[in-house]
Amino acid sequence: MTPSPTAEILRVRAPTLREFIFNLARRLRVPEAGAGLVSDSLVAASLRGVDSHGVELFPVYEQQIREGGADPTAVGAVANEAGACLLFDGKNGLGQVVSAQCTDHAVRLARAHGLAVVVARNSHHFGAAAYWSQRMAQGGCIGISLSTAGAIVPPWQGKTPRLGTNPIAVALPGSAGGKWLLDMATTTVAKGKLNFAAAHGRTTIPEAWRFVDADGHPTTDRVAAERGWSLPVGGYKGSGLAVLVELLTSGLSGGPMASEAPVHRNGVVPLRISHTFIAIDPQRFLPLGTFEERMERLVAMLKSSEPAPGYDEVLMAGEPEWREEAVRLRDGIPLPGHLWRRLLAIAANLEVASPAPDGV
């Protein structure tokens, strides 16, 4: 039986959802290419089970565009190019539009020089970092994506938030079949997971998520966590990684650093996010296909390790998400009822037709 849109959780087929988000973005004056990037990147994250960076973000994007915090028509421009280095000014455009151009430049420069570093400033939220690393990997490069975020994380030994979740993603060429894909925040989990927990009516969160309340005390209470902060993964090590991302993004871009940037992804204030994209051409080091073969050998060696007590197998980075993607491609993407109703409300306001019942 087809679930009602008012049900707590319903499932929507990926093509249906992708077309729906595309049509909504177009009505928000996002050009066709940009609307395609927004819809595809958000649905791709939802398919992988990274719901905090999937279509759940679209209402936030809609509000940011509607209130003037992001320019839906801006494409940005190259501010400076010198050898393998490029600085891009996003001019307050959507993060997906900025990132697509930057990753394409990164692949172009890596083919010419063997290595490329492309830094962007004045951008918007770009969704899941893995999407952009994979885009560079599809171009035959090792792709590394880094980004700043609003200051919601205290530094190690601090109580006041100064850093973002500052993600790091790495994708490898020839790994589309599910070999290895790193996509991590420099916190134990992204704060967006609290939104998903709330959507499922959960009042507590796992202790392993490592949130603190507003006074800096560890908490498993979801509401207290929402009023508090997430902590760096691995304590001082994660805090160091977050600072490294900050240095390689906003430090190089000239954009706002740490708490100089806005915290919230809604309203009239531009986010002015910085990203960095690094592309490495493995053929500059090894004959064609050799790096991919070595990657497969390494993965096989790691997976041959005897599982520790409580585990059935050794999983590689990205493997749980690839498996979830296969399930969601088959069964549809699960959406909380409140999110679906919000998307329907946006559609009604924009006079966009909602998906037919048999698409849900």
Protein backbone atom coordinates (compact mmCIF):
# COMPACT_ATOMS: atom_id res chain seq x y z
CA MET A 1 0.00 0.00 0.00
CA THR A 2 1.28 3.50 -0.80
CA PRO A 3 2.11 5.36 2.42
CA SER A 4 0.26 8.60 3.08
CA PRO A 5 2.34 11.80 2.95
CA THR A 6 1.29 12.36 6.56
CA ALA A 7 2.82 9.06 7.70
CA GLU A 8 5.84 9.26 9.97
CA ILE A 9 8.13 7.72 7.34
CA LEU A 10 7.41 7.29 3.64
CA ARG A 11 9.52 6.23 0.70
CA VAL A 12 10.09 8.12 -2.54
CA ARG A 13 11.85 6.71 -5.58
CA ALA A 14 15.13 8.46 -6.38
CA PRO A 15 14.16 9.59 -9.92
CA THR A 16 10.87 11.01 -8.61
CA LEU A 17 12.60 12.89 -5.82
CA ARG A 18 15.38 14.14 -8.09
CA GLU A 19 12.87 15.57 -10.57
CA PHE A 20 10.83 17.13 -7.75
CA ILE A 21 13.83 18.92 -6.21
CA PHE A 22 14.97 19.99 -9.69
CA ASN A 23 11.59 21.58 -10.43
CA LEU A 24 11.54 23.35 -7.07
CA ALA A 25 15.03 24.74 -7.66
CA ARG A 26 14.10 25.96 -11.12
CA ARG A 27 11.14 27.90 -9.68
CA LEU A 28 13.59 29.53 -7.28
CA ARG A 29 15.38 30.94 -10.36
CA VAL A 30 18.25 28.46 -10.23
CA PRO A 31 19.43 27.92 -13.84
CA GLU A 32 18.89 24.48 -15.32
CA ALA A 33 22.46 23.26 -14.86
CA GLY A 34 22.59 24.46 -11.26
CA ALA A 35 19.20 22.96 -10.45
CA GLY A 36 20.44 19.64 -11.79
CA LEU A 37 23.53 19.80 -9.59
CA VAL A 38 21.50 20.67 -6.48
CA SER A 39 18.93 17.93 -7.02
CA ASP A 40 21.46 15.27 -7.98
CA SER A 41 23.87 15.99 -5.12
CA LEU A 42 21.15 16.05 -2.46
CA VAL A 43 19.44 12.89 -3.72
CA ALA A 44 22.84 11.16 -4.03
CA ALA A 45 23.49 11.84 -0.33
CA SER A 46 20.03 10.61 0.63
CA LEU A 47 20.57 7.45 -1.40
CA ARG A 48 23.80 6.75 0.51
CA GLY A 49 21.96 7.13 3.81
CA VAL A 50 23.67 10.45 4.60
CA ASP A 51 20.28 12.00 5.29
CA SER A 52 21.64 15.01 7.17
CA HIS A 53 23.24 16.16 3.90
CA GLY A 54 20.50 15.00 1.55
CA VAL A 55 17.11 16.40 0.57
CA GLU A 56 16.59 17.39 4.21
CA LEU A 57 18.76 20.41 3.31
CA PHE A 58 16.53 21.69 0.52
CA PRO A 59 14.09 23.62 2.77
CA VAL A 60 17.13 25.35 4.28
CA TYR A 61 18.41 26.22 0.81
CA GLU A 62 14.95 27.47 -0.17
CA GLN A 63 14.79 29.78 2.84
CA GLN A 64 18.32 31.05 2.24
CA ILE A 65 17.50 31.85 -1.40
CA ARG A 66 14.10 33.36 -0.60
CA GLU A 67 15.51 35.67 2.08
CA GLY A 68 18.52 36.73 0.01
CA GLY A 69 21.25 34.81 1.80
CA ALA A 70 22.26 33.02 -1.42
CA ASP A 71 22.14 34.15 -5.03
CA PRO A 72 20.46 31.41 -7.11
CA THR A 73 21.76 32.83 -10.41
CA ALA A 74 25.39 33.49 -9.47
CA VAL A 75 28.00 31.32 -11.17
CA GLY A 76 31.15 32.84 -9.68
CA ALA A 77 34.44 33.47 -11.45
CA VAL A 78 38.12 32.58 -11.39
CA ALA A 79 39.88 35.17 -9.23
CA ASN A 80 43.40 33.94 -9.96
CA GLU A 81 45.12 31.03 -11.72
CA ALA A 82 48.83 30.33 -11.37
CA GLY A 83 50.15 26.97 -12.56
CA ALA A 84 48.47 24.18 -10.60
CA CYS A 85 46.78 26.63 -8.21
CA LEU A 86 43.46 28.36 -8.71
CA LEU A 87 41.40 30.72 -6.55
CA PHE A 88 37.67 30.88 -7.28
CA ASP A 89 35.21 33.53 -6.04
CA GLY A 90 31.76 32.00 -5.69
CA LYS A 91 30.09 35.42 -5.45
CA ASN A 92 27.53 34.01 -2.99
CA GLY A 93 26.37 31.37 -5.45
CA LEU A 94 25.04 27.96 -4.50
CA GLY A 95 27.74 25.63 -3.23
CA GLN A 96 26.93 22.99 -5.82
CA VAL A 97 27.35 25.46 -8.68
CA VAL A 98 30.65 26.70 -7.26
CA SER A 99 31.94 23.21 -6.48
CA ALA A 100 31.15 21.76 -9.90
CA GLN A 101 33.27 24.42 -11.56
CA CYS A 102 36.06 24.07 -9.01
CA THR A 103 36.28 20.28 -9.33
CA ASP A 104 36.30 20.55 -13.13
CA HIS A 105 39.14 23.07 -12.88
CA ALA A 106 40.95 20.75 -10.47
CA VAL A 107 40.80 17.81 -12.90
CA ARG A 108 41.91 20.05 -15.78
CA LEU A 109 44.89 21.38 -13.86
CA ALA A 110 45.84 17.94 -12.51
CA ARG A 111 45.97 16.57 -16.03
CA ALA A 112 48.26 19.44 -17.00
CA HIS A 113 50.46 19.51 -13.90
CA GLY A 114 49.89 16.19 -12.11
CA LEU A 115 48.45 17.99 -9.10
CA ALA A 116 45.91 20.75 -8.57
CA VAL A 117 44.75 22.83 -5.62
CA VAL A 118 41.57 24.83 -6.19
CA VAL A 119 40.33 27.06 -3.38
CA ALA A 120 36.92 28.73 -3.35
CA ARG A 121 35.60 31.59 -1.24
CA ASN A 122 32.19 33.25 -0.87
CA SER A 123 30.34 30.01 -1.51
CA HIS A 124 27.29 28.35 0.04
CA HIS A 125 26.75 24.91 1.56
CA PHE A 126 27.79 22.29 -1.00
CA GLY A 127 26.00 19.21 0.39
CA ALA A 128 28.02 16.07 1.07
CA ALA A 129 31.76 16.45 0.48
CA ALA A 130 31.99 12.93 -0.98
CA TYR A 131 29.98 13.99 -4.03
CA TRP A 132 32.74 16.37 -5.12
CA SER A 133 35.61 14.01 -4.38
CA GLN A 134 33.81 11.39 -6.47
CA ARG A 135 33.42 13.91 -9.29
CA MET A 136 37.21 14.32 -9.39
CA ALA A 137 37.70 10.56 -9.15
CA GLN A 138 35.44 10.12 -12.18
CA GLY A 139 37.93 12.36 -13.98
CA GLY A 140 40.71 9.88 -13.19
CA CYS A 141 42.15 11.69 -10.17
CA ILE A 142 42.47 11.09 -6.47
CA GLY A 143 39.95 13.65 -5.26
CA ILE A 144 40.13 15.42 -1.90
CA SER A 145 37.42 17.85 -0.79
CA LEU A 146 37.51 20.09 2.28
CA SER A 147 35.08 22.73 3.51
CA THR A 148 34.47 25.16 6.32
CA ALA A 149 31.17 25.25 8.19
CA GLY A 150 29.48 27.37 10.85
CA ALA A 151 31.25 27.52 14.21
CA ILE A 152 29.38 24.92 16.26
CA VAL A 153 32.34 22.97 17.69
CA PRO A 154 34.51 24.05 20.62
CA PRO A 155 38.24 23.54 20.13
CA TRP A 156 39.94 20.92 22.29
CA GLN A 157 39.86 22.04 25.94
CA GLY A 158 37.45 24.83 25.04
CA LYS A 159 33.79 25.39 25.87
CA THR A 160 32.87 28.10 23.35
CA PRO A 161 32.34 26.97 19.72
CA ARG A 162 34.95 28.26 17.34
CA LEU A 163 35.23 25.62 14.60
CA GLY A 164 32.89 24.01 12.11
CA THR A 165 32.37 20.32 11.48
CA ASN A 166 34.88 20.94 8.66
CA PRO A 167 34.48 17.79 6.52
CA ILE A 168 37.15 15.81 4.71
CA ALA A 169 36.33 13.52 1.80
CA VAL A 170 38.66 11.42 -0.35
CA ALA A 171 37.67 9.37 -3.41
CA LEU A 172 39.84 7.18 -5.62
CA PRO A 173 39.68 6.61 -9.37
CA GLY A 174 38.27 3.22 -10.29
CA SER A 175 36.48 2.95 -6.94
CA ALA A 176 32.92 3.52 -8.12
CA GLY A 177 32.12 -0.15 -7.52
CA GLY A 178 32.47 0.24 -3.78
CA LYS A 179 36.15 -0.08 -2.92
CA TRP A 180 36.94 2.83 -0.60
CA LEU A 181 35.44 6.30 -0.04
CA LEU A 182 36.25 8.43 2.98
CA ASP A 183 33.65 11.05 3.93
CA MET A 184 33.93 12.34 7.47
CA ALA A 185 33.23 15.37 9.58
CA THR A 186 35.97 16.33 12.00
CA THR A 187 33.38 15.84 14.73
CA THR A 188 32.21 12.41 15.85
CA VAL A 189 28.97 12.99 13.90
CA ALA A 190 27.49 15.90 11.99
CA LYS A 191 25.06 18.00 14.01
CA GLY A 192 22.47 17.39 11.30
CA LYS A 193 21.97 13.93 12.80
CA LEU A 194 20.08 15.63 15.64
CA ASN A 195 17.50 16.85 13.13
CA PHE A 196 17.00 13.33 11.86
CA ALA A 197 16.73 12.00 15.42
CA ALA A 198 14.07 14.62 16.15
CA ALA A 199 12.18 13.65 12.99
CA HIS A 200 12.04 10.09 14.29
CA GLY A 201 10.80 11.22 17.69
CA ARG A 202 13.93 10.18 19.55
CA THR A 203 14.47 11.89 22.88
CA THR A 204 17.91 10.39 23.50
CA ILE A 205 20.97 10.02 21.31
CA PRO A 206 23.86 7.54 21.51
CA GLU A 207 26.63 8.45 23.93
CA ALA A 208 29.09 7.68 21.13
CA TRP A 209 27.83 10.75 19.23
CA ARG A 210 29.71 12.85 21.82
CA PHE A 211 27.58 15.94 22.28
CA VAL A 212 27.77 18.37 25.19
CA ASP A 213 25.06 20.65 26.55
CA ALA A 214 25.29 24.45 26.66
CA ASP A 215 27.44 24.23 29.79
CA GLY A 216 29.91 21.84 28.20
CA HIS A 217 28.76 18.69 30.01
CA PRO A 218 28.40 15.40 28.06
CA THR A 219 24.76 14.59 27.29
CA THR A 220 22.60 11.97 25.60
CA ASP A 221 19.50 14.17 25.81
CA ARG A 222 18.61 15.25 22.29
CA VAL A 223 17.14 18.62 23.27
CA ALA A 224 20.12 19.44 25.48
CA ALA A 225 22.43 18.44 22.61
CA GLU A 226 20.55 20.75 20.24
CA ARG A 227 21.25 23.61 22.64
CA GLY A 228 24.86 22.54 23.01
CA TRP A 229 27.67 21.45 20.72
CA SER A 230 29.25 18.47 19.04
CA LEU A 231 32.81 17.53 19.96
CA PRO A 232 35.84 16.87 17.73
CA VAL A 233 36.38 13.25 16.76
CA GLY A 234 39.25 11.75 18.72
CA GLY A 235 39.57 14.73 21.04
CA TYR A 236 42.64 16.87 20.35
CA LYS A 237 43.37 14.94 17.14
CA GLY A 238 40.02 15.80 15.59
CA SER A 239 40.39 19.37 16.76
CA GLY A 240 43.74 19.51 15.01
CA LEU A 241 42.20 18.14 11.82
CA ALA A 242 39.46 20.77 11.96
CA VAL A 243 42.07 23.51 12.26
CA LEU A 244 43.99 21.97 9.34
CA VAL A 245 40.85 22.10 7.19
CA GLU A 246 40.33 25.70 8.27
CA LEU A 247 43.87 26.62 7.24
CA LEU A 248 43.61 24.89 3.85
CA THR A 249 40.21 26.43 3.05
CA SER A 250 39.46 29.83 4.56
CA GLY A 251 43.12 30.34 5.46
CA LEU A 252 44.06 30.20 1.78
CA SER A 253 40.88 31.70 0.33
CA GLY A 254 40.93 34.96 2.29
CA GLY A 255 37.37 34.24 3.44
CA PRO A 256 36.03 34.36 7.00
CA MET A 257 37.79 32.00 9.39
CA ALA A 258 36.19 29.97 12.19
CA SER A 259 33.76 32.09 14.21
CA GLU A 260 34.09 35.03 11.80
CA ALA A 261 31.61 33.21 9.54
CA PRO A 262 27.82 32.98 10.13
CA VAL A 263 26.68 29.93 12.07
CA HIS A 264 23.19 29.32 10.69
CA ARG A 265 22.26 28.20 7.18
CA ASN A 266 19.16 30.35 6.91
CA GLY A 267 18.25 34.01 6.76
CA VAL A 268 19.58 36.97 4.87
CA VAL A 269 23.24 36.69 5.87
CA PRO A 270 25.48 35.08 3.21
CA LEU A 271 27.36 32.07 4.58
CA ARG A 272 30.64 32.93 2.80
CA ILE A 273 31.86 29.34 3.04
CA SER A 274 35.29 28.34 1.73
CA HIS A 275 36.10 25.03 0.04
CA THR A 276 39.31 23.43 -1.15
CA PHE A 277 39.55 20.76 -3.83
CA ILE A 278 42.76 18.83 -4.41
CA ALA A 279 43.19 16.54 -7.42
CA ILE A 280 46.13 14.18 -7.90
CA ASP A 281 46.81 12.35 -11.16
CA PRO A 282 48.16 8.89 -10.20
CA GLN A 283 49.50 8.36 -13.73
CA ARG A 284 52.26 10.86 -12.90
CA PHE A 285 53.61 8.26 -10.47
CA LEU A 286 52.62 4.85 -11.88
CA PRO A 287 51.61 3.37 -15.25
CA LEU A 288 47.94 3.53 -16.24
CA GLY A 289 45.81 1.26 -14.05
CA THR A 290 48.61 0.36 -11.62
CA PHE A 291 47.38 2.60 -8.81
CA GLU A 292 43.89 1.14 -9.09
CA GLU A 293 45.31 -2.40 -8.93
CA ARG A 294 47.32 -1.53 -5.85
CA MET A 295 44.27 0.02 -4.24
CA GLU A 296 42.34 -3.21 -4.79
CA ARG A 297 45.20 -5.22 -3.27
CA LEU A 298 45.27 -2.98 -0.21
CA VAL A 299 41.52 -3.23 0.29
CA ALA A 300 41.69 -7.02 -0.06
CA MET A 301 44.48 -7.20 2.53
CA LEU A 302 42.52 -5.09 5.00
CA LYS A 303 39.30 -7.04 4.51
CA SER A 304 41.17 -10.33 5.02
CA SER A 305 41.75 -9.39 8.66
CA GLU A 306 39.87 -11.68 11.04
CA PRO A 307 36.84 -9.79 12.38
CA ALA A 308 37.07 -8.59 15.97
CA PRO A 309 34.56 -9.92 18.53
CA GLY A 310 31.10 -8.56 17.81
CA TYR A 311 31.72 -8.02 14.10
CA ASP A 312 31.00 -10.24 11.10
CA GLU A 313 33.42 -8.64 8.68
CA VAL A 314 35.85 -5.78 8.15
CA LEU A 315 34.18 -2.90 6.33
CA MET A 316 35.98 -0.25 4.33
CA ALA A 317 35.18 3.48 4.41
CA GLY A 318 32.16 4.04 2.18
CA GLU A 319 31.05 0.40 2.13
CA PRO A 320 28.04 0.81 4.49
CA GLU A 321 26.82 3.74 2.37
CA TRP A 322 27.17 1.81 -0.91
CA ARG A 323 25.14 -1.04 0.57
CA GLU A 324 22.48 1.38 1.80
CA GLU A 325 22.37 2.96 -1.65
CA ALA A 326 21.56 -0.41 -3.21
CA VAL A 327 18.66 -0.85 -0.77
CA ARG A 328 17.30 2.63 -1.34
CA LEU A 329 17.56 2.35 -5.10
CA ARG A 330 15.42 -0.76 -4.81
CA ASP A 331 12.95 0.31 -2.11
CA GLY A 332 12.94 4.10 -2.33
CA ILE A 333 14.40 6.80 -0.10
CA PRO A 334 12.81 7.03 3.37
CA LEU A 335 11.65 10.53 4.27
CA PRO A 336 10.15 11.74 7.55
CA GLY A 337 6.56 12.85 7.18
CA HIS A 338 7.35 16.36 8.39
CA LEU A 339 10.02 16.77 5.67
CA TRP A 340 7.69 15.55 2.95
CA ARG A 341 4.99 17.95 4.13
CA ARG A 342 7.51 20.80 4.12
CA LEU A 343 8.53 19.98 0.54
CA LEU A 344 4.86 19.86 -0.48
CA ALA A 345 4.29 23.25 1.16
CA ILE A 346 7.25 24.74 -0.72
CA ALA A 347 5.87 23.24 -3.93
CA ALA A 348 2.45 24.74 -3.32
CA ASN A 349 3.94 28.15 -2.61
CA LEU A 350 6.05 27.97 -5.77
CA GLU A 351 3.16 26.53 -7.81
CA VAL A 352 5.12 23.39 -8.66
CA ALA A 353 3.24 20.14 -9.20
CA SER A 354 3.97 17.56 -6.51
CA PRO A 355 4.83 13.97 -7.51
CA ALA A 356 1.91 11.73 -8.42
CA PRO A 357 0.86 9.28 -5.68
CA ASP A 358 2.23 6.32 -7.61
CA GLY A 359 5.68 7.95 -7.51
CA VAL A 360 5.77 7.65 -3.74
